[in-house]
Structures are given as structure tokens and as C-alpha cells.
Amino acid sequence: MSFRIYRFGEKIEEKPSLINFLINYIGNFCGLAIASLLITGVSVDDFPSLIAATAVFAIIHTLIKPFVYLASCCLIVATFGFFIFVINAFLLIMTSKISTTLGLTFNVENFISAFLGALVITFISSSIRYIFQKRVNTKNF
């Protein structure tokens, strides 16, 4: 067993792997499922649509979110990070529109529902990522 002391501000390198991808996917899946149960305006009718909507959500977050964050970094800094939740709400609405176009039953009714859904999804997926990635990185998984 080896130990390493990290200095303040030093980033811990996390290598992309299939395990990390699965943890992120499961976190987003659970977040979307719980948001559809808790938030009135977020709905999904069947399990296959939930799985496919999670895939659409993951693709949007992988491809589009970095560019949106880069374009709106001044607003994110000016609002002390609050604008991230607004961005996540719009990405959730985009996921809903694309899912509906693909014939899936995932739907977000309005911006308030999307904002609350984004809060729930962020909390649930971040919690799951924290719990499981800590175990994966310490090899106690």
C-alpha cells in the first residue's frame, strides 16, 4: 500500500475507463428516474424510454455541455456558479425534445420542471459518482 500527499490545488488524475463511464451512466439513470418520480413536470412512461433517454442525456452532456460552459463562463463566474443549474435545465429540455423526436416517452413540460429536475439529477448523480468512484479509486470495489 502506498500513500501520496497532494498539495492544495493539485488535481488528482482520473483516467477515463469503462467503470467510470458506467458509474456516470448509472448516476444519470438514477437521477432521471428519481426526478421523474419527484417532479410533476418531468415524466417517463416506460423503462426502455428511461434507458434511451439516459443515453441521449449522456451524449448531450458529453458533446454540448463543454461548449455551453465555455461560452457562458462569464455568467457562471458572475452568478457564483448558479447559472450552471440554468444550463443544466436547458440541456434537460434539449434531452426531452430530442427524446420526443426519437419517439421516446421522456418529457419535460416547462422550465421550472426542468430546473427542479436538473437540481435532483445533479444531486443524485453527484452522490452516486462520489460514493462509487471513491471505492473504485481506492480499489475497495
N, C-alpha and C. Protein backbone atom coordinates (compact mmCIF):
# COMPACT_ATOMS: atom_id res chain seq x y z
N MET A 1 0.85 -1.17 0.00
CA MET A 1 0.00 0.00 0.00
C MET A 1 0.89 1.23 0.00
N SER A 2 0.62 2.15 -0.90
CA SER A 2 1.42 3.37 -0.95
C SER A 2 0.52 4.58 -0.74
N PHE A 3 1.11 5.60 -0.18
CA PHE A 3 0.38 6.83 0.10
C PHE A 3 1.04 7.97 -0.64
N ARG A 4 0.23 8.93 -1.00
CA ARG A 4 0.76 10.10 -1.66
C ARG A 4 0.10 11.33 -1.06
N ILE A 5 0.85 12.33 -0.76
CA ILE A 5 0.33 13.57 -0.22
C ILE A 5 0.12 14.53 -1.37
N TYR A 6 -1.09 15.07 -1.48
CA TYR A 6 -1.41 16.02 -2.54
C TYR A 6 -1.37 17.42 -1.97
N ARG A 7 -0.79 18.31 -2.74
CA ARG A 7 -0.76 19.71 -2.35
C ARG A 7 -2.10 20.37 -2.67
N PHE A 8 -2.39 21.47 -1.99
CA PHE A 8 -3.62 22.21 -2.23
C PHE A 8 -3.66 22.67 -3.68
N GLY A 9 -4.75 22.38 -4.36
CA GLY A 9 -4.91 22.79 -5.74
C GLY A 9 -4.40 21.78 -6.75
N GLU A 10 -3.70 20.75 -6.30
CA GLU A 10 -3.19 19.73 -7.22
C GLU A 10 -4.33 18.79 -7.59
N LYS A 11 -4.52 18.60 -8.87
CA LYS A 11 -5.63 17.78 -9.34
C LYS A 11 -5.22 16.31 -9.34
N ILE A 12 -6.11 15.49 -8.83
CA ILE A 12 -5.89 14.05 -8.85
C ILE A 12 -6.27 13.55 -10.24
N GLU A 13 -5.35 12.90 -10.90
CA GLU A 13 -5.61 12.41 -12.26
C GLU A 13 -6.57 11.23 -12.19
N GLU A 14 -7.62 11.33 -12.95
CA GLU A 14 -8.60 10.26 -13.04
C GLU A 14 -8.65 9.80 -14.48
N LYS A 15 -8.24 8.58 -14.72
CA LYS A 15 -8.20 8.06 -16.08
C LYS A 15 -9.60 7.64 -16.52
N PRO A 16 -9.98 8.02 -17.74
CA PRO A 16 -11.28 7.56 -18.23
C PRO A 16 -11.27 6.05 -18.42
N SER A 17 -12.30 5.42 -17.96
CA SER A 17 -12.38 3.98 -18.09
C SER A 17 -13.84 3.57 -18.24
N LEU A 18 -14.03 2.32 -18.54
CA LEU A 18 -15.38 1.80 -18.68
C LEU A 18 -16.12 1.85 -17.35
N ILE A 19 -15.40 1.60 -16.25
CA ILE A 19 -16.03 1.64 -14.92
C ILE A 19 -16.55 3.04 -14.64
N ASN A 20 -15.74 4.07 -14.90
CA ASN A 20 -16.18 5.45 -14.66
C ASN A 20 -17.35 5.82 -15.56
N PHE A 21 -17.34 5.36 -16.81
CA PHE A 21 -18.46 5.60 -17.71
C PHE A 21 -19.73 4.96 -17.16
N LEU A 22 -19.63 3.72 -16.69
CA LEU A 22 -20.81 3.04 -16.14
C LEU A 22 -21.31 3.72 -14.88
N ILE A 23 -20.40 4.19 -14.04
CA ILE A 23 -20.80 4.90 -12.82
C ILE A 23 -21.55 6.18 -13.20
N ASN A 24 -21.04 6.92 -14.17
CA ASN A 24 -21.72 8.14 -14.62
C ASN A 24 -23.08 7.82 -15.23
N TYR A 25 -23.14 6.76 -16.03
CA TYR A 25 -24.41 6.39 -16.67
C TYR A 25 -25.44 5.97 -15.63
N ILE A 26 -25.01 5.16 -14.66
CA ILE A 26 -25.93 4.72 -13.60
C ILE A 26 -26.38 5.91 -12.76
N GLY A 27 -25.47 6.83 -12.48
CA GLY A 27 -25.83 8.03 -11.73
C GLY A 27 -26.86 8.87 -12.47
N ASN A 28 -26.66 9.08 -13.76
CA ASN A 28 -27.62 9.83 -14.56
C ASN A 28 -28.95 9.08 -14.69
N PHE A 29 -28.88 7.76 -14.83
CA PHE A 29 -30.09 6.94 -14.90
C PHE A 29 -30.91 7.08 -13.63
N CYS A 30 -30.26 6.94 -12.48
CA CYS A 30 -30.96 7.07 -11.20
C CYS A 30 -31.49 8.49 -11.01
N GLY A 31 -30.70 9.48 -11.42
CA GLY A 31 -31.14 10.86 -11.31
C GLY A 31 -32.38 11.13 -12.15
N LEU A 32 -32.39 10.66 -13.39
CA LEU A 32 -33.56 10.84 -14.25
C LEU A 32 -34.77 10.08 -13.71
N ALA A 33 -34.55 8.88 -13.19
CA ALA A 33 -35.66 8.09 -12.65
C ALA A 33 -36.26 8.77 -11.42
N ILE A 34 -35.42 9.23 -10.52
CA ILE A 34 -35.92 9.88 -9.30
C ILE A 34 -36.55 11.23 -9.63
N ALA A 35 -35.97 11.96 -10.57
CA ALA A 35 -36.58 13.24 -10.97
C ALA A 35 -37.96 13.02 -11.58
N SER A 36 -38.12 11.94 -12.35
CA SER A 36 -39.44 11.68 -12.95
C SER A 36 -40.45 11.26 -11.88
N LEU A 37 -39.98 10.71 -10.77
CA LEU A 37 -40.89 10.36 -9.68
C LEU A 37 -41.23 11.57 -8.81
N LEU A 38 -40.26 12.45 -8.58
CA LEU A 38 -40.46 13.56 -7.64
C LEU A 38 -41.03 14.82 -8.27
N ILE A 39 -40.63 15.13 -9.49
CA ILE A 39 -41.02 16.39 -10.13
C ILE A 39 -42.24 16.13 -11.02
N THR A 40 -43.26 16.94 -10.83
CA THR A 40 -44.52 16.74 -11.56
C THR A 40 -44.35 16.91 -13.07
N GLY A 41 -43.58 17.88 -13.52
CA GLY A 41 -43.46 18.16 -14.94
C GLY A 41 -42.45 17.31 -15.68
N VAL A 42 -41.75 16.40 -15.00
CA VAL A 42 -40.79 15.50 -15.64
C VAL A 42 -41.41 14.11 -15.64
N SER A 43 -41.59 13.54 -16.82
CA SER A 43 -42.26 12.24 -16.88
C SER A 43 -41.58 11.32 -17.88
N VAL A 44 -41.60 10.05 -17.54
CA VAL A 44 -41.16 8.99 -18.44
C VAL A 44 -42.11 7.83 -18.22
N ASP A 45 -42.62 7.24 -19.30
CA ASP A 45 -43.69 6.25 -19.17
C ASP A 45 -43.20 4.82 -19.02
N ASP A 46 -42.09 4.48 -19.64
CA ASP A 46 -41.65 3.10 -19.58
C ASP A 46 -40.14 3.00 -19.39
N PHE A 47 -39.71 1.82 -18.98
CA PHE A 47 -38.31 1.58 -18.65
C PHE A 47 -37.38 1.71 -19.86
N PRO A 48 -37.72 1.16 -21.03
CA PRO A 48 -36.82 1.33 -22.19
C PRO A 48 -36.63 2.79 -22.59
N SER A 49 -37.68 3.59 -22.44
CA SER A 49 -37.54 5.03 -22.74
C SER A 49 -36.61 5.70 -21.75
N LEU A 50 -36.65 5.26 -20.49
CA LEU A 50 -35.75 5.81 -19.48
C LEU A 50 -34.30 5.48 -19.81
N ILE A 51 -34.05 4.25 -20.22
CA ILE A 51 -32.68 3.86 -20.59
C ILE A 51 -32.20 4.66 -21.81
N ALA A 52 -33.05 4.78 -22.82
CA ALA A 52 -32.67 5.52 -24.03
C ALA A 52 -32.54 7.01 -23.75
N ALA A 53 -33.42 7.57 -22.92
CA ALA A 53 -33.32 8.99 -22.57
C ALA A 53 -32.04 9.27 -21.78
N THR A 54 -31.62 8.32 -20.96
CA THR A 54 -30.36 8.47 -20.25
C THR A 54 -29.19 8.49 -21.23
N ALA A 55 -29.26 7.67 -22.27
CA ALA A 55 -28.21 7.68 -23.30
C ALA A 55 -28.19 9.01 -24.04
N VAL A 56 -29.36 9.54 -24.39
CA VAL A 56 -29.44 10.85 -25.04
C VAL A 56 -28.88 11.93 -24.12
N PHE A 57 -29.26 11.86 -22.84
CA PHE A 57 -28.78 12.81 -21.83
C PHE A 57 -27.25 12.76 -21.73
N ALA A 58 -26.69 11.55 -21.72
CA ALA A 58 -25.23 11.40 -21.62
C ALA A 58 -24.53 11.95 -22.86
N ILE A 59 -25.10 11.71 -24.03
CA ILE A 59 -24.49 12.22 -25.27
C ILE A 59 -24.53 13.74 -25.30
N ILE A 60 -25.65 14.33 -24.90
CA ILE A 60 -25.76 15.79 -24.87
C ILE A 60 -24.76 16.38 -23.88
N HIS A 61 -24.65 15.76 -22.71
CA HIS A 61 -23.72 16.28 -21.72
C HIS A 61 -22.27 16.10 -22.13
N THR A 62 -21.99 15.08 -22.90
CA THR A 62 -20.62 14.86 -23.35
C THR A 62 -20.24 15.80 -24.50
N LEU A 63 -21.15 16.00 -25.44
CA LEU A 63 -20.82 16.76 -26.64
C LEU A 63 -21.12 18.25 -26.55
N ILE A 64 -22.21 18.63 -25.92
CA ILE A 64 -22.66 20.02 -25.97
C ILE A 64 -22.30 20.81 -24.72
N LYS A 65 -22.38 20.18 -23.55
CA LYS A 65 -22.16 20.90 -22.29
C LYS A 65 -20.82 21.63 -22.21
N PRO A 66 -19.70 21.04 -22.63
CA PRO A 66 -18.44 21.79 -22.52
C PRO A 66 -18.43 23.09 -23.32
N PHE A 67 -19.04 23.08 -24.50
CA PHE A 67 -19.08 24.29 -25.31
C PHE A 67 -20.00 25.35 -24.70
N VAL A 68 -21.11 24.91 -24.12
CA VAL A 68 -22.03 25.85 -23.48
C VAL A 68 -21.37 26.46 -22.24
N TYR A 69 -20.66 25.64 -21.47
CA TYR A 69 -19.94 26.16 -20.30
C TYR A 69 -18.88 27.18 -20.73
N LEU A 70 -18.17 26.87 -21.79
CA LEU A 70 -17.13 27.78 -22.28
C LEU A 70 -17.74 29.09 -22.75
N ALA A 71 -18.85 29.02 -23.47
CA ALA A 71 -19.49 30.23 -23.98
C ALA A 71 -20.10 31.08 -22.88
N SER A 72 -20.48 30.46 -21.78
CA SER A 72 -21.15 31.21 -20.71
C SER A 72 -20.32 31.30 -19.44
N CYS A 73 -19.00 31.16 -19.55
CA CYS A 73 -18.16 31.16 -18.35
C CYS A 73 -18.25 32.48 -17.58
N CYS A 74 -18.44 33.59 -18.27
CA CYS A 74 -18.57 34.88 -17.57
C CYS A 74 -19.83 34.91 -16.71
N LEU A 75 -20.93 34.39 -17.24
CA LEU A 75 -22.17 34.33 -16.46
C LEU A 75 -22.04 33.36 -15.29
N ILE A 76 -21.35 32.27 -15.50
CA ILE A 76 -21.15 31.30 -14.42
C ILE A 76 -20.36 31.94 -13.28
N VAL A 77 -19.31 32.66 -13.62
CA VAL A 77 -18.49 33.32 -12.59
C VAL A 77 -19.28 34.44 -11.93
N ALA A 78 -20.01 35.23 -12.72
CA ALA A 78 -20.76 36.37 -12.17
C ALA A 78 -21.88 35.93 -11.23
N THR A 79 -22.44 34.75 -11.46
CA THR A 79 -23.52 34.26 -10.59
C THR A 79 -23.02 33.24 -9.57
N PHE A 80 -21.71 33.16 -9.41
CA PHE A 80 -21.08 32.24 -8.45
C PHE A 80 -21.51 30.79 -8.68
N GLY A 81 -21.65 30.40 -9.93
CA GLY A 81 -21.96 29.03 -10.29
C GLY A 81 -23.43 28.70 -10.41
N PHE A 82 -24.31 29.63 -10.02
CA PHE A 82 -25.75 29.37 -10.08
C PHE A 82 -26.21 29.13 -11.52
N PHE A 83 -25.59 29.79 -12.47
CA PHE A 83 -26.00 29.68 -13.87
C PHE A 83 -25.79 28.26 -14.41
N ILE A 84 -24.96 27.47 -13.75
CA ILE A 84 -24.77 26.07 -14.17
C ILE A 84 -26.09 25.31 -14.10
N PHE A 85 -26.90 25.61 -13.08
CA PHE A 85 -28.20 24.93 -12.97
C PHE A 85 -29.16 25.36 -14.08
N VAL A 86 -29.06 26.61 -14.51
CA VAL A 86 -29.87 27.08 -15.63
C VAL A 86 -29.43 26.36 -16.91
N ILE A 87 -28.12 26.22 -17.11
CA ILE A 87 -27.61 25.49 -18.27
C ILE A 87 -28.08 24.05 -18.24
N ASN A 88 -27.98 23.40 -17.07
CA ASN A 88 -28.42 22.02 -16.95
C ASN A 88 -29.92 21.88 -17.23
N ALA A 89 -30.71 22.88 -16.83
CA ALA A 89 -32.14 22.85 -17.12
C ALA A 89 -32.39 22.91 -18.63
N PHE A 90 -31.67 23.78 -19.33
CA PHE A 90 -31.83 23.86 -20.78
C PHE A 90 -31.34 22.57 -21.46
N LEU A 91 -30.29 21.96 -20.95
CA LEU A 91 -29.83 20.69 -21.52
C LEU A 91 -30.85 19.59 -21.27
N LEU A 92 -31.54 19.65 -20.13
CA LEU A 92 -32.60 18.67 -19.86
C LEU A 92 -33.78 18.88 -20.80
N ILE A 93 -34.13 20.13 -21.08
CA ILE A 93 -35.18 20.41 -22.06
C ILE A 93 -34.76 19.92 -23.45
N MET A 94 -33.49 20.12 -23.79
CA MET A 94 -32.98 19.63 -25.08
C MET A 94 -33.06 18.11 -25.15
N THR A 95 -32.74 17.44 -24.04
CA THR A 95 -32.86 15.99 -23.98
C THR A 95 -34.31 15.57 -24.20
N SER A 96 -35.24 16.30 -23.60
CA SER A 96 -36.66 16.00 -23.76
C SER A 96 -37.10 16.16 -25.22
N LYS A 97 -36.67 17.23 -25.86
CA LYS A 97 -37.06 17.47 -27.25
C LYS A 97 -36.50 16.40 -28.18
N ILE A 98 -35.23 16.05 -27.99
CA ILE A 98 -34.61 15.02 -28.83
C ILE A 98 -35.26 13.66 -28.57
N SER A 99 -35.54 13.36 -27.30
CA SER A 99 -36.18 12.09 -26.95
C SER A 99 -37.56 11.98 -27.57
N THR A 100 -38.31 13.07 -27.53
CA THR A 100 -39.65 13.07 -28.14
C THR A 100 -39.55 12.88 -29.65
N THR A 101 -38.55 13.52 -30.27
CA THR A 101 -38.34 13.35 -31.71
C THR A 101 -38.01 11.90 -32.06
N LEU A 102 -37.28 11.23 -31.17
CA LEU A 102 -36.92 9.83 -31.40
C LEU A 102 -38.05 8.86 -31.06
N GLY A 103 -39.17 9.38 -30.55
CA GLY A 103 -40.30 8.53 -30.22
C GLY A 103 -40.27 7.98 -28.81
N LEU A 104 -39.44 8.53 -27.96
CA LEU A 104 -39.37 8.08 -26.57
C LEU A 104 -40.42 8.83 -25.74
N THR A 105 -40.75 8.28 -24.59
CA THR A 105 -41.79 8.89 -23.76
C THR A 105 -41.22 9.74 -22.63
N PHE A 106 -40.02 10.27 -22.79
CA PHE A 106 -39.44 11.17 -21.80
C PHE A 106 -39.85 12.59 -22.15
N ASN A 107 -40.45 13.31 -21.17
CA ASN A 107 -40.97 14.64 -21.45
C ASN A 107 -40.74 15.57 -20.26
N VAL A 108 -40.33 16.79 -20.56
CA VAL A 108 -40.22 17.86 -19.56
C VAL A 108 -41.17 18.96 -20.01
N GLU A 109 -42.10 19.34 -19.13
CA GLU A 109 -43.17 20.25 -19.53
C GLU A 109 -42.74 21.71 -19.64
N ASN A 110 -42.02 22.23 -18.66
CA ASN A 110 -41.68 23.66 -18.67
C ASN A 110 -40.31 23.89 -18.02
N PHE A 111 -39.90 25.16 -17.99
CA PHE A 111 -38.57 25.47 -17.48
C PHE A 111 -38.45 25.21 -15.98
N ILE A 112 -39.50 25.50 -15.22
CA ILE A 112 -39.45 25.27 -13.76
C ILE A 112 -39.26 23.79 -13.48
N SER A 113 -39.99 22.95 -14.18
CA SER A 113 -39.82 21.49 -14.02
C SER A 113 -38.42 21.06 -14.42
N ALA A 114 -37.90 21.65 -15.49
CA ALA A 114 -36.55 21.32 -15.94
C ALA A 114 -35.51 21.77 -14.91
N PHE A 115 -35.71 22.95 -14.33
CA PHE A 115 -34.77 23.46 -13.33
C PHE A 115 -34.77 22.57 -12.09
N LEU A 116 -35.96 22.23 -11.59
CA LEU A 116 -36.04 21.34 -10.42
C LEU A 116 -35.51 19.95 -10.75
N GLY A 117 -35.83 19.46 -11.95
CA GLY A 117 -35.30 18.17 -12.38
C GLY A 117 -33.79 18.17 -12.48
N ALA A 118 -33.23 19.27 -12.98
CA ALA A 118 -31.77 19.39 -13.08
C ALA A 118 -31.13 19.39 -11.69
N LEU A 119 -31.79 20.03 -10.72
CA LEU A 119 -31.27 20.01 -9.34
C LEU A 119 -31.26 18.59 -8.79
N VAL A 120 -32.36 17.87 -8.98
CA VAL A 120 -32.46 16.49 -8.48
C VAL A 120 -31.44 15.60 -9.17
N ILE A 121 -31.35 15.69 -10.49
CA ILE A 121 -30.42 14.85 -11.25
C ILE A 121 -28.98 15.14 -10.84
N THR A 122 -28.65 16.41 -10.68
CA THR A 122 -27.29 16.77 -10.26
C THR A 122 -26.97 16.21 -8.89
N PHE A 123 -27.90 16.34 -7.95
CA PHE A 123 -27.66 15.85 -6.59
C PHE A 123 -27.51 14.33 -6.57
N ILE A 124 -28.43 13.63 -7.22
CA ILE A 124 -28.40 12.16 -7.21
C ILE A 124 -27.17 11.63 -7.94
N SER A 125 -26.91 12.13 -9.14
CA SER A 125 -25.78 11.60 -9.92
C SER A 125 -24.45 11.96 -9.26
N SER A 126 -24.34 13.14 -8.67
CA SER A 126 -23.10 13.51 -7.97
C SER A 126 -22.88 12.63 -6.75
N SER A 127 -23.96 12.34 -6.02
CA SER A 127 -23.84 11.47 -4.85
C SER A 127 -23.39 10.07 -5.24
N ILE A 128 -23.99 9.53 -6.28
CA ILE A 128 -23.62 8.18 -6.73
C ILE A 128 -22.19 8.16 -7.24
N ARG A 129 -21.81 9.18 -8.02
CA ARG A 129 -20.43 9.25 -8.50
C ARG A 129 -19.45 9.34 -7.34
N TYR A 130 -19.76 10.14 -6.33
CA TYR A 130 -18.86 10.30 -5.19
C TYR A 130 -18.69 8.98 -4.45
N ILE A 131 -19.78 8.29 -4.21
CA ILE A 131 -19.72 7.04 -3.45
C ILE A 131 -18.94 5.97 -4.21
N PHE A 132 -19.29 5.76 -5.48
CA PHE A 132 -18.69 4.65 -6.21
C PHE A 132 -17.31 4.96 -6.76
N GLN A 133 -17.04 6.18 -7.20
CA GLN A 133 -15.70 6.48 -7.71
C GLN A 133 -14.68 6.50 -6.59
N LYS A 134 -15.10 6.85 -5.40
CA LYS A 134 -14.18 6.78 -4.27
C LYS A 134 -13.78 5.32 -4.02
N ARG A 135 -14.75 4.42 -4.14
CA ARG A 135 -14.44 3.00 -3.96
C ARG A 135 -13.58 2.46 -5.09
N VAL A 136 -13.86 2.88 -6.32
CA VAL A 136 -13.08 2.41 -7.47
C VAL A 136 -11.65 2.91 -7.37
N ASN A 137 -11.48 4.19 -7.00
CA ASN A 137 -10.14 4.77 -6.93
C ASN A 137 -9.32 4.20 -5.78
N THR A 138 -9.98 3.73 -4.70
CA THR A 138 -9.23 3.13 -3.60
C THR A 138 -9.17 1.62 -3.73
N LYS A 139 -9.75 1.09 -4.81
CA LYS A 139 -9.71 -0.34 -5.14
C LYS A 139 -10.39 -1.21 -4.09
N ASN A 140 -11.40 -0.68 -3.40
CA ASN A 140 -12.19 -1.47 -2.46
C ASN A 140 -13.52 -1.88 -3.08
N PHE A 141 -13.63 -1.77 -4.39
CA PHE A 141 -14.89 -2.01 -5.08
C PHE A 141 -15.11 -3.48 -5.30
